[in-house]
Amino acid sequence: MSWHYIARIWREENLKPHRSGTFKIPKDPAFAEKAADVVGLYLAPPGGAVVLSIDEKTQVQALDRTQPVLPVVFAGTEKRTHDYVRHGTTNLFAALNVTTGEVLGECKPNRNGANFLAFMKKAVKPHRGKEIHVVVLDNLSTHTTPDVKAWLAKNPHVHFHFTPVGSSWLNQIEIWFGIITRQSIRRGTFASVNVLVKQIRDYINSWNENPKPFTWTATADEILAKVRLVQTTVKNLLNNNSK
């Protein structure tokens, strides 16, 4: 067959074989229940309640280039040296208000239970008197220390909702982490951790001047249907390859 014929079929059927994607089959036995719980908060939050999406972006590196960055010009793109110098790391704790899109962020030198709890207290303080539902990324020990559990017991208006294991894409703050990485961190040049922290703070302040919430559209049923489709496809491929 000629390449003209193949190209026509690709166009007519909207096939794009040059593109590829990734997938991950969830192994959490309670995936369906946890996914439905989190998605339910996004699509139909309890009346008057505040929904916060919280997580940590760990080990954010303060990378400094060995030569100045060459700016964008008409004849070419921005250019950076391939090699770099590491000046240390910071850990960004962030909370996204799912309704308003506002972000509260704080950089800490370490990611541990004490810092997580301190940030949690700061995140819920502006919403005193309201029911607060917190979507926490995973079941790391830093999120379930005895001090955290004791604090939750003393604050029954705060409710934790854990995403399924290995399903960070269900947490909306991860979307925002991707945005700040692309727009501010990845292309930055930082002579020290303090410079990196300042840039993160400046970005958060700029974001909150005109915050825009993310619109979640996928229902729990749609997500589970896609998961089942991937599971079935993988199972069939494995069975065919074993023959």
Protein backbone atom coordinates (compact mmCIF):
# COMPACT_ATOMS: atom_id res chain seq x y z
CA MET A 1 0.00 0.00 0.00
CA SER A 2 1.22 3.49 -0.78
CA TRP A 3 1.90 6.00 1.95
CA HIS A 4 -0.79 8.25 0.38
CA TYR A 5 -3.41 5.57 1.03
CA ILE A 6 -2.24 5.00 4.60
CA ALA A 7 -2.14 8.76 5.31
CA ARG A 8 -5.71 9.11 4.01
CA ILE A 9 -6.93 6.36 6.33
CA TRP A 10 -5.21 8.01 9.27
CA ARG A 11 -6.88 11.34 8.47
CA GLU A 12 -10.32 9.85 7.92
CA GLU A 13 -10.20 7.79 11.11
CA ASN A 14 -8.43 10.50 13.11
CA LEU A 15 -5.59 8.09 13.87
CA LYS A 16 -2.37 9.56 15.31
CA PRO A 17 0.13 6.69 15.67
CA HIS A 18 3.01 9.12 16.23
CA ARG A 19 1.52 10.04 19.59
CA SER A 20 1.78 7.92 22.71
CA GLY A 21 0.42 8.07 26.23
CA THR A 22 0.82 6.43 29.60
CA PHE A 23 -1.47 4.51 31.88
CA LYS A 24 -1.38 2.90 35.28
CA ILE A 25 -3.74 0.23 36.54
CA PRO A 26 -4.75 1.03 40.14
CA LYS A 27 -3.85 -1.63 42.68
CA ASP A 28 -5.69 -0.12 45.62
CA PRO A 29 -8.49 -2.59 46.53
CA ALA A 30 -10.59 0.36 47.66
CA PHE A 31 -10.00 2.38 44.49
CA ALA A 32 -13.65 2.60 43.49
CA GLU A 33 -14.81 3.80 46.91
CA LYS A 34 -12.01 6.35 47.32
CA ALA A 35 -12.34 7.67 43.78
CA ALA A 36 -16.10 8.11 44.20
CA ASP A 37 -15.52 9.93 47.49
CA VAL A 38 -12.99 12.40 46.03
CA VAL A 39 -14.89 13.01 42.79
CA GLY A 40 -18.08 13.53 44.78
CA LEU A 41 -16.42 16.38 46.66
CA TYR A 42 -15.44 18.01 43.37
CA LEU A 43 -18.78 17.66 41.62
CA ALA A 44 -21.17 18.09 44.55
CA PRO A 45 -19.45 19.45 47.67
CA PRO A 46 -21.56 19.48 50.84
CA GLY A 47 -23.54 22.69 51.17
CA GLY A 48 -21.50 25.46 52.75
CA ALA A 49 -18.43 23.26 53.20
CA VAL A 50 -14.91 24.18 52.14
CA VAL A 51 -12.98 21.67 50.02
CA LEU A 52 -9.19 21.96 50.13
CA SER A 53 -6.86 19.97 47.92
CA ILE A 54 -3.56 19.63 49.78
CA ASP A 55 -0.22 17.99 49.06
CA GLU A 56 3.52 18.57 49.09
CA LYS A 57 5.81 19.08 46.13
CA THR A 58 9.01 17.66 47.51
CA GLN A 59 12.68 18.18 46.69
CA VAL A 60 12.22 21.23 44.47
CA GLN A 61 15.75 21.92 43.26
CA ALA A 62 17.42 25.33 43.14
CA LEU A 63 19.35 24.86 39.89
CA ASP A 64 21.78 27.49 38.66
CA ARG A 65 23.15 27.42 35.10
CA THR A 66 26.90 27.65 34.58
CA GLN A 67 26.40 30.45 32.01
CA PRO A 68 23.73 33.15 31.62
CA VAL A 69 20.51 32.10 29.89
CA LEU A 70 20.33 33.30 26.29
CA PRO A 71 16.97 35.05 25.80
CA VAL A 72 14.43 34.44 23.04
CA VAL A 73 15.32 36.19 19.79
CA PHE A 74 13.72 36.25 16.33
CA ALA A 75 16.33 33.83 15.04
CA GLY A 76 16.06 31.26 17.82
CA THR A 77 14.58 30.03 21.07
CA GLU A 78 15.72 30.63 24.63
CA LYS A 79 18.85 28.62 25.39
CA ARG A 80 20.29 27.33 28.64
CA THR A 81 23.49 25.48 29.34
CA HIS A 82 23.17 21.72 29.55
CA ASP A 83 25.11 21.60 32.83
CA TYR A 84 24.04 23.22 36.09
CA VAL A 85 24.94 23.65 39.75
CA ARG A 86 22.64 22.46 42.55
CA HIS A 87 22.20 24.89 45.45
CA GLY A 88 19.90 22.74 47.56
CA THR A 89 16.21 21.92 47.68
CA THR A 90 12.98 23.03 49.32
CA ASN A 91 9.60 21.37 49.90
CA LEU A 92 6.45 23.20 48.83
CA PHE A 93 3.34 22.60 50.94
CA ALA A 94 0.26 23.87 49.10
CA ALA A 95 -3.51 23.98 49.54
CA LEU A 96 -5.93 24.71 46.70
CA ASN A 97 -9.41 25.97 47.49
CA VAL A 98 -11.39 23.91 44.99
CA THR A 99 -14.23 26.45 44.84
CA THR A 100 -12.28 29.70 44.46
CA GLY A 101 -8.99 28.49 42.94
CA GLU A 102 -6.95 30.35 45.57
CA VAL A 103 -3.70 28.72 46.65
CA LEU A 104 -1.95 28.86 50.01
CA GLY A 105 1.67 27.79 49.82
CA GLU A 106 4.59 27.53 52.18
CA CYS A 107 8.13 26.27 51.64
CA LYS A 108 9.78 24.11 54.30
CA PRO A 109 13.27 22.63 54.44
CA ASN A 110 11.88 19.22 55.43
CA ARG A 111 8.83 17.13 54.72
CA ASN A 112 7.69 15.56 57.97
CA GLY A 113 4.62 15.15 60.14
CA ALA A 114 5.32 18.26 62.22
CA ASN A 115 5.61 20.54 59.18
CA PHE A 116 2.54 18.97 57.59
CA LEU A 117 0.46 19.54 60.72
CA ALA A 118 1.70 23.13 61.06
CA PHE A 119 0.67 23.80 57.46
CA MET A 120 -2.69 22.11 57.98
CA LYS A 121 -3.47 24.42 60.88
CA LYS A 122 -2.56 27.43 58.75
CA ALA A 123 -4.67 26.18 55.82
CA VAL A 124 -7.88 25.66 57.80
CA LYS A 125 -7.59 28.77 60.00
CA PRO A 126 -9.26 31.18 57.51
CA HIS A 127 -12.29 28.86 57.34
CA ARG A 128 -13.03 28.66 61.05
CA GLY A 129 -16.66 27.84 61.76
CA LYS A 130 -17.19 25.87 58.54
CA GLU A 131 -17.06 22.21 57.69
CA ILE A 132 -13.74 21.56 55.94
CA HIS A 133 -13.05 18.60 53.67
CA VAL A 134 -9.40 18.02 52.92
CA VAL A 135 -8.29 15.88 49.99
CA VAL A 136 -4.86 14.56 50.95
CA LEU A 137 -2.77 12.93 48.22
CA ASP A 138 -1.87 9.63 49.77
CA ASN A 139 -1.44 7.58 52.92
CA LEU A 140 2.13 8.59 53.71
CA SER A 141 3.04 8.31 57.36
CA THR A 142 3.50 12.10 57.55
CA HIS A 143 -0.25 12.50 56.98
CA THR A 144 -1.28 10.04 59.67
CA THR A 145 1.09 10.64 62.59
CA PRO A 146 -0.30 10.38 66.15
CA ASP A 147 -0.15 14.20 66.41
CA VAL A 148 -2.18 14.58 63.21
CA LYS A 149 -4.77 12.08 64.44
CA ALA A 150 -4.97 13.82 67.80
CA TRP A 151 -5.48 17.18 66.10
CA LEU A 152 -8.25 15.75 63.91
CA ALA A 153 -9.96 14.36 67.00
CA LYS A 154 -9.95 17.86 68.54
CA ASN A 155 -11.22 19.41 65.30
CA PRO A 156 -14.18 17.26 64.18
CA HIS A 157 -15.15 19.88 61.57
CA VAL A 158 -12.05 18.90 59.54
CA HIS A 159 -12.40 15.73 57.49
CA PHE A 160 -9.61 13.94 55.60
CA HIS A 161 -10.30 12.19 52.29
CA PHE A 162 -7.41 10.09 50.99
CA THR A 163 -7.01 9.49 47.28
CA PRO A 164 -6.42 5.88 46.18
CA VAL A 165 -2.84 4.66 46.38
CA GLY A 166 -0.91 5.57 43.22
CA SER A 167 -3.62 7.93 41.94
CA SER A 168 -2.15 11.39 42.40
CA TRP A 169 -3.99 12.57 39.26
CA LEU A 170 -7.19 12.62 41.33
CA ASN A 171 -5.84 15.44 43.47
CA GLN A 172 -6.43 18.88 41.92
CA ILE A 173 -3.40 20.43 43.61
CA GLU A 174 -1.28 18.18 41.38
CA ILE A 175 -2.67 20.08 38.37
CA TRP A 176 -1.50 23.32 39.93
CA PHE A 177 1.92 21.81 40.74
CA GLY A 178 2.28 21.04 37.04
CA ILE A 179 1.43 24.63 36.14
CA ILE A 180 3.91 26.26 38.52
CA THR A 181 6.59 23.80 37.40
CA ARG A 182 6.12 24.64 33.72
CA GLN A 183 5.64 28.38 34.12
CA SER A 184 8.03 29.29 36.92
CA ILE A 185 10.36 26.57 38.21
CA ARG A 186 11.58 24.41 35.32
CA ARG A 187 12.92 27.29 33.24
CA GLY A 188 14.21 29.26 36.21
CA THR A 189 17.79 29.93 37.27
CA PHE A 190 18.32 30.09 41.02
CA ALA A 191 21.51 31.16 42.72
CA SER A 192 20.28 29.88 46.08
CA VAL A 193 17.33 28.19 47.78
CA ASN A 194 16.20 31.60 49.04
CA VAL A 195 15.93 32.83 45.45
CA LEU A 196 13.86 29.76 44.55
CA VAL A 197 11.56 30.22 47.56
CA LYS A 198 11.02 33.89 46.69
CA GLN A 199 10.08 33.01 43.12
CA ILE A 200 7.58 30.43 44.36
CA ARG A 201 6.05 32.99 46.75
CA ASP A 202 5.86 35.61 44.01
CA TYR A 203 4.16 33.14 41.68
CA ILE A 204 1.56 32.23 44.32
CA ASN A 205 0.85 35.92 45.00
CA SER A 206 0.45 36.55 41.27
CA TRP A 207 -1.83 33.49 40.90
CA ASN A 208 -4.08 34.68 43.74
CA GLU A 209 -4.58 38.09 42.14
CA ASN A 210 -6.90 36.39 39.64
CA PRO A 211 -7.43 32.80 40.78
CA LYS A 212 -9.40 30.45 38.57
CA PRO A 213 -10.75 27.14 39.89
CA PHE A 214 -10.34 24.00 37.84
CA THR A 215 -13.50 22.53 36.35
CA TRP A 216 -13.74 18.82 37.12
CA THR A 217 -15.95 17.05 34.59
CA ALA A 218 -15.30 13.29 34.89
CA THR A 219 -17.77 11.38 37.03
CA ALA A 220 -16.76 8.43 39.17
CA ASP A 221 -18.65 6.07 36.85
CA GLU A 222 -16.75 7.39 33.80
CA ILE A 223 -13.41 6.97 35.57
CA LEU A 224 -14.22 3.42 36.66
CA ALA A 225 -15.40 2.55 33.13
CA LYS A 226 -12.05 3.69 31.68
CA VAL A 227 -10.15 1.74 34.33
CA ARG A 228 -12.10 -1.42 33.50
CA LEU A 229 -11.46 -0.88 29.78
CA VAL A 230 -7.70 -0.60 30.34
CA GLN A 231 -7.71 -3.65 32.61
CA THR A 232 -9.57 -5.69 29.99
CA THR A 233 -7.27 -4.53 27.18
CA VAL A 234 -4.13 -5.40 29.14
CA LYS A 235 -5.56 -8.78 30.12
CA ASN A 236 -6.41 -9.63 26.51
CA LEU A 237 -2.94 -8.61 25.32
CA LEU A 238 -1.28 -10.75 27.98
CA ASN A 239 -3.46 -13.71 27.06
CA ASN A 240 -2.69 -13.32 23.35
CA ASN A 241 1.05 -13.02 23.99
CA SER A 242 1.04 -16.17 26.11
CA LYS A 243 -0.44 -18.29 23.31
